[in-house]
Amino acid sequence: MRVLVVGGSGLLGRSVCRRGLGLGWSVVGTFYSGEIDVPGVEARRLDVTDRAAVHALVAQVRPDAVVGTPYRYEDWGVTADGAAHVALAAAEAGARLVHLSSDALHAGRPVPYLDDEPPTPVHAYGAAKAAAETAVRAIDPGAAVVRTSLIVGEGSKQIQLCRDALAGRATLFSDELRCPIDVTDLADAVLELVVSSYAGLLNVAGADTVSRAELGLLVAERYGLDPAGLKTATSASSGLVRPLDVRLDSTRAAGLLRTRLRGVRDVLAR
C-alpha cells in the first residue's frame, strides 16, 4: 500500500504517517512550512492552493490512497479550495480518498449530531469545512469523510491551550462542549478507512463529552499541574460567535472500526 498524506507535517498527519509506516506501508507526506519529523516518510513540499502542483504531485507519487488533513483556520483557500484540489487529483489518479473534516461545521445544540446531518456553520472556519465536504463529496462520492472533534495527545494545540489557561495566559470556556479524541486513535481509524470501502460521512470522536474548562482540569491532573490557576469564562459572555454544545455521536464508527475510540478521561488518566 502506498499512501499520500497531504498535511503530513501537522499533528494528525504525522501520526497517520507513523502508523502507516508501522503497517509496512510506503508513506509520502506533504508539508508547506513545517517539517515531517518521521523517519522513513518521503517528504514533499506542497501548496494545496496551487491546483496544478497538487495534480502534478499526485500523478508523480501514484498513491493507492490519499489522506487529506490540511487546514488553516483563517484561510479559505487552504481549507476549502485545497480540499477540492486534493479530491480532484486523487479521483483522476484512481486513488482511495479519506478526507478529514470537523465538528466546527455544526452550530451547536443540546442533542448529539449524527453522521449524516447537514452542516450549519456559524463562523468562517465552519463554513470553509462545510464547503470542503461539499466539494469532496461531489467530486468523489466514494470518499470517506471523517468528522472529528478536538484532537489531543503529545504536541496537541488543545493540550497546550489548557496548559496556557492553567498558567493564566489563556481562557477556557465552560459552556463549550466537545468530544475530544486521542491523535493515535484517530490516525488508526483513518488508516482502517483507507483500506475499507466505506463511503460518505462518518463521525469519529471520543466517547466522553467535556467542556473546554473540564478538559483543562483533566490536563492539570494528568501532568500534575495546579488547577487553582485555571482561567475560565463563558463563550456566551465573550461576545465571540462560536458553536457551544457540539457532541458527535460516533456509534456508527464504533460498530464499523476495530479501533477503540477512547474517551478523553481514559486518554489522560495518569
Protein backbone atom coordinates (compact mmCIF):
# COMPACT_ATOMS: atom_id res chain seq x y z
CA MET A 1 0.00 0.00 0.00
CA ARG A 2 1.34 3.42 -0.99
CA VAL A 3 -0.37 6.31 0.77
CA LEU A 4 -0.02 10.06 0.33
CA VAL A 5 -0.71 12.08 3.48
CA VAL A 6 -1.50 15.66 2.48
CA GLY A 7 -0.73 17.77 5.52
CA GLY A 8 1.80 15.31 6.87
CA SER A 9 3.56 17.93 9.00
CA GLY A 10 0.52 18.50 11.21
CA LEU A 11 -0.23 16.67 14.45
CA LEU A 12 -2.66 14.21 12.87
CA GLY A 13 -0.71 13.97 9.62
CA ARG A 14 2.46 12.95 11.44
CA SER A 15 0.57 10.33 13.42
CA VAL A 16 -1.01 8.91 10.26
CA CYS A 17 2.47 8.76 8.70
CA ARG A 18 3.95 6.93 11.72
CA ARG A 19 1.10 4.45 12.00
CA GLY A 20 1.15 3.82 8.25
CA LEU A 21 4.85 3.03 8.37
CA GLY A 22 4.12 0.68 11.26
CA LEU A 23 1.79 -1.25 8.98
CA GLY A 24 4.61 -1.68 6.49
CA TRP A 25 3.17 0.82 4.01
CA SER A 26 5.07 3.19 1.75
CA VAL A 27 4.26 6.69 3.02
CA VAL A 28 4.68 10.05 1.31
CA GLY A 29 3.83 13.10 3.40
CA THR A 30 3.45 16.71 2.29
CA PHE A 31 4.39 19.86 4.15
CA TYR A 32 4.17 23.56 3.40
CA SER A 33 6.12 25.44 6.07
CA GLY A 34 6.72 22.88 8.81
CA GLU A 35 8.67 19.65 8.85
CA ILE A 36 7.75 15.98 8.86
CA ASP A 37 9.90 14.62 11.66
CA VAL A 38 9.08 10.98 10.93
CA PRO A 39 11.99 8.78 9.75
CA GLY A 40 11.01 6.67 6.76
CA VAL A 41 8.50 9.12 5.34
CA GLU A 42 9.19 10.54 1.89
CA ALA A 43 8.57 14.27 2.43
CA ARG A 44 7.39 16.58 -0.36
CA ARG A 45 6.63 20.29 -0.17
CA LEU A 46 3.17 21.19 -1.44
CA ASP A 47 0.96 24.26 -1.59
CA VAL A 48 -2.58 22.84 -1.73
CA THR A 49 -3.94 26.12 -3.07
CA ASP A 50 -1.93 25.50 -6.25
CA ARG A 51 -4.18 23.16 -8.21
CA ALA A 52 -1.58 22.33 -10.84
CA ALA A 53 1.03 21.49 -8.20
CA VAL A 54 -1.38 19.16 -6.40
CA HIS A 55 -2.20 17.32 -9.62
CA ALA A 56 1.47 17.06 -10.57
CA LEU A 57 2.48 15.64 -7.20
CA VAL A 58 -0.31 13.05 -7.08
CA ALA A 59 0.48 11.99 -10.64
CA GLN A 60 4.15 11.62 -9.71
CA VAL A 61 3.60 9.75 -6.42
CA ARG A 62 0.88 7.48 -7.84
CA PRO A 63 -0.59 6.59 -4.44
CA ASP A 64 -3.12 3.85 -3.79
CA ALA A 65 -4.77 6.15 -1.27
CA VAL A 66 -4.74 9.81 -0.26
CA VAL A 67 -5.42 11.09 3.26
CA GLY A 68 -6.31 14.77 3.25
CA THR A 69 -5.65 16.59 6.55
CA PRO A 70 -4.57 20.14 5.63
CA TYR A 71 -6.32 23.19 7.03
CA ARG A 72 -5.54 26.74 8.07
CA TYR A 73 -8.03 28.28 10.48
CA GLU A 74 -8.48 31.64 8.76
CA ASP A 75 -7.62 30.59 5.22
CA TRP A 76 -10.46 29.56 2.89
CA GLY A 77 -8.01 28.75 0.12
CA VAL A 78 -6.25 26.06 2.13
CA THR A 79 -9.26 24.65 3.95
CA ALA A 80 -11.89 24.65 1.18
CA ASP A 81 -10.17 25.11 -2.19
CA GLY A 82 -7.24 22.93 -1.13
CA ALA A 83 -9.57 20.08 -0.23
CA ALA A 84 -11.20 20.30 -3.66
CA HIS A 85 -7.83 20.27 -5.41
CA VAL A 86 -6.76 17.16 -3.47
CA ALA A 87 -10.04 15.39 -4.21
CA LEU A 88 -9.82 16.13 -7.94
CA ALA A 89 -6.24 14.90 -8.15
CA ALA A 90 -7.00 11.74 -6.17
CA ALA A 91 -10.02 10.99 -8.34
CA GLU A 92 -8.02 11.43 -11.55
CA ALA A 93 -5.36 9.06 -10.18
CA GLY A 94 -7.97 6.49 -9.13
CA ALA A 95 -6.78 6.71 -5.50
CA ARG A 96 -8.90 5.99 -2.45
CA LEU A 97 -9.61 9.26 -0.58
CA VAL A 98 -10.12 9.80 3.15
CA HIS A 99 -10.87 13.45 3.89
CA LEU A 100 -10.69 14.93 7.39
CA SER A 101 -13.49 17.27 8.36
CA SER A 102 -14.51 18.83 11.67
CA ASP A 103 -17.32 19.32 14.17
CA ALA A 104 -16.75 23.06 13.63
CA LEU A 105 -19.27 22.98 10.78
CA HIS A 106 -22.14 22.46 13.24
CA ALA A 107 -23.89 25.33 15.03
CA GLY A 108 -24.28 23.51 18.35
CA ARG A 109 -27.38 22.16 20.10
CA PRO A 110 -28.34 20.09 23.18
CA VAL A 111 -28.78 16.89 21.09
CA PRO A 112 -25.77 14.98 19.68
CA TYR A 113 -25.15 15.17 15.94
CA LEU A 114 -25.48 12.02 13.85
CA ASP A 115 -23.13 11.23 10.98
CA ASP A 116 -25.22 12.42 8.05
CA GLU A 117 -26.58 15.69 9.37
CA PRO A 118 -26.10 18.72 7.11
CA PRO A 119 -23.67 21.47 8.12
CA THR A 120 -24.98 24.53 9.97
CA PRO A 121 -21.85 26.71 10.28
CA VAL A 122 -21.88 29.88 12.36
CA HIS A 123 -18.37 31.15 11.61
CA ALA A 124 -15.98 31.34 8.67
CA TYR A 125 -13.91 28.28 9.56
CA GLY A 126 -17.03 26.12 9.89
CA ALA A 127 -18.23 27.41 6.53
CA ALA A 128 -14.88 26.53 4.94
CA LYS A 129 -15.03 22.98 6.35
CA ALA A 130 -18.60 22.66 5.07
CA ALA A 131 -17.54 23.83 1.61
CA ALA A 132 -14.67 21.36 1.64
CA GLU A 133 -17.05 18.50 2.41
CA THR A 134 -19.42 19.57 -0.36
CA ALA A 135 -16.60 19.65 -2.89
CA VAL A 136 -15.12 16.31 -1.83
CA ARG A 137 -18.46 14.50 -1.89
CA ALA A 138 -19.37 15.95 -5.30
CA ILE A 139 -16.02 15.05 -6.83
CA ASP A 140 -15.69 11.60 -5.25
CA PRO A 141 -18.88 10.05 -3.85
CA GLY A 142 -16.84 7.02 -2.80
CA ALA A 143 -14.60 9.03 -0.47
CA ALA A 144 -14.75 8.62 3.30
CA VAL A 145 -15.35 11.98 5.00
CA VAL A 146 -14.38 11.92 8.68
CA ARG A 147 -15.90 14.46 11.04
CA THR A 148 -13.86 14.68 14.20
CA SER A 149 -13.53 16.85 17.31
CA LEU A 150 -10.73 18.32 19.42
CA ILE A 151 -7.54 16.29 18.89
CA VAL A 152 -5.46 15.64 22.00
CA GLY A 153 -2.09 13.99 22.54
CA GLU A 154 1.55 14.99 22.95
CA GLY A 155 2.17 18.15 20.96
CA SER A 156 -1.54 18.92 20.64
CA LYS A 157 -2.60 22.56 20.39
CA GLN A 158 -5.53 21.67 22.63
CA ILE A 159 -3.24 20.41 25.40
CA GLN A 160 -1.04 23.49 25.08
CA LEU A 161 -4.11 25.75 25.28
CA CYS A 162 -5.07 24.01 28.53
CA ARG A 163 -1.55 24.47 29.90
CA ASP A 164 -1.69 28.15 28.99
CA ALA A 165 -5.06 28.55 30.72
CA LEU A 166 -3.71 26.84 33.83
CA ALA A 167 -0.91 29.40 33.83
CA GLY A 168 -3.36 32.27 33.34
CA ARG A 169 -2.21 33.01 29.81
CA ALA A 170 -5.40 31.86 28.04
CA THR A 171 -9.08 31.32 28.79
CA LEU A 172 -11.12 28.12 28.50
CA PHE A 173 -14.86 28.33 28.02
CA SER A 174 -17.02 26.38 30.44
CA ASP A 175 -20.03 26.26 28.12
CA GLU A 176 -18.31 24.79 25.03
CA LEU A 177 -18.84 21.03 24.95
CA ARG A 178 -16.86 18.72 22.68
CA CYS A 179 -15.84 15.03 22.32
CA PRO A 180 -12.00 15.09 22.30
CA ILE A 181 -10.17 12.23 20.64
CA ASP A 182 -6.62 10.94 21.02
CA VAL A 183 -4.49 11.56 17.95
CA THR A 184 -3.34 7.94 17.68
CA ASP A 185 -6.91 6.64 17.94
CA LEU A 186 -7.94 8.99 15.15
CA ALA A 187 -4.94 8.04 13.00
CA ASP A 188 -5.68 4.33 13.40
CA ALA A 189 -9.33 4.92 12.49
CA VAL A 190 -8.27 6.83 9.37
CA LEU A 191 -5.95 4.03 8.28
CA GLU A 192 -8.74 1.49 8.77
CA LEU A 193 -10.90 3.60 6.47
CA VAL A 194 -8.11 3.75 3.88
CA VAL A 195 -8.40 0.01 3.31
CA SER A 196 -12.19 -0.10 3.63
CA SER A 197 -14.90 0.65 1.09
CA TYR A 198 -16.81 2.99 3.40
CA ALA A 199 -18.23 5.98 1.54
CA GLY A 200 -19.74 9.15 2.94
CA LEU A 201 -19.79 10.94 6.28
CA LEU A 202 -18.58 9.33 9.49
CA ASN A 203 -18.29 10.82 12.97
CA VAL A 204 -15.03 9.72 14.59
CA ALA A 205 -14.72 11.32 18.02
CA GLY A 206 -14.02 10.33 21.62
CA ALA A 207 -16.56 8.69 23.90
CA ASP A 208 -16.57 11.45 26.55
CA THR A 209 -18.30 14.82 26.32
CA VAL A 210 -16.44 17.51 28.26
CA SER A 211 -16.31 21.28 28.31
CA ARG A 212 -13.06 23.01 27.43
CA ALA A 213 -12.78 24.01 31.10
CA GLU A 214 -13.21 20.37 32.18
CA LEU A 215 -10.52 19.40 29.69
CA GLY A 216 -8.23 21.89 31.39
CA LEU A 217 -8.81 20.20 34.75
CA LEU A 218 -8.09 16.80 33.22
CA VAL A 219 -4.82 18.13 31.80
CA ALA A 220 -3.92 19.55 35.22
CA GLU A 221 -4.48 16.15 36.83
CA ARG A 222 -2.60 14.29 34.09
CA TYR A 223 0.51 16.46 34.28
CA GLY A 224 0.46 17.30 37.99
CA LEU A 225 -0.33 20.99 37.48
CA ASP A 226 -2.14 23.25 39.95
CA PRO A 227 -5.80 23.55 38.86
CA ALA A 228 -6.32 26.65 41.02
CA GLY A 229 -4.86 28.90 38.34
CA LEU A 230 -7.23 27.74 35.60
CA LYS A 231 -8.69 30.76 33.84
CA THR A 232 -12.25 30.19 32.61
CA ALA A 233 -15.18 32.16 31.21
CA THR A 234 -18.28 31.50 29.15
CA SER A 235 -18.30 31.76 25.40
CA ALA A 236 -21.76 33.29 25.62
CA SER A 237 -20.40 36.22 27.65
CA SER A 238 -17.31 36.70 25.48
CA GLY A 239 -19.16 38.15 22.51
CA LEU A 240 -17.49 35.64 20.20
CA VAL A 241 -19.56 33.75 17.64
CA ARG A 242 -18.72 30.11 18.34
CA PRO A 243 -20.62 26.82 18.46
CA LEU A 244 -21.36 25.79 22.05
CA ASP A 245 -22.70 22.25 22.58
CA VAL A 246 -21.30 20.15 19.71
CA ARG A 247 -21.38 16.46 20.56
CA LEU A 248 -20.70 13.94 17.80
CA ASP A 249 -22.49 10.58 18.02
CA SER A 250 -19.82 8.09 16.94
CA THR A 251 -21.96 4.96 17.33
CA ARG A 252 -21.64 4.10 13.64
CA ALA A 253 -17.84 4.34 13.72
CA ALA A 254 -17.64 2.30 16.93
CA GLY A 255 -19.52 -0.52 15.20
CA LEU A 256 -17.57 -0.26 11.96
CA LEU A 257 -13.99 0.08 13.20
CA ARG A 258 -11.70 -2.15 15.25
CA THR A 259 -10.02 0.92 16.76
CA ARG A 260 -11.48 1.79 20.15
CA LEU A 261 -12.43 5.45 20.30
CA ARG A 262 -11.44 6.16 23.88
CA GLY A 263 -12.92 8.95 25.95
CA VAL A 264 -10.60 11.75 26.98
CA ARG A 265 -10.77 10.75 30.65
CA ASP A 266 -9.27 7.41 29.69
CA VAL A 267 -6.71 9.01 27.39
CA LEU A 268 -5.49 11.46 30.06
CA ALA A 269 -5.63 9.07 33.01
CA ARG A 270 -2.34 9.12 34.93
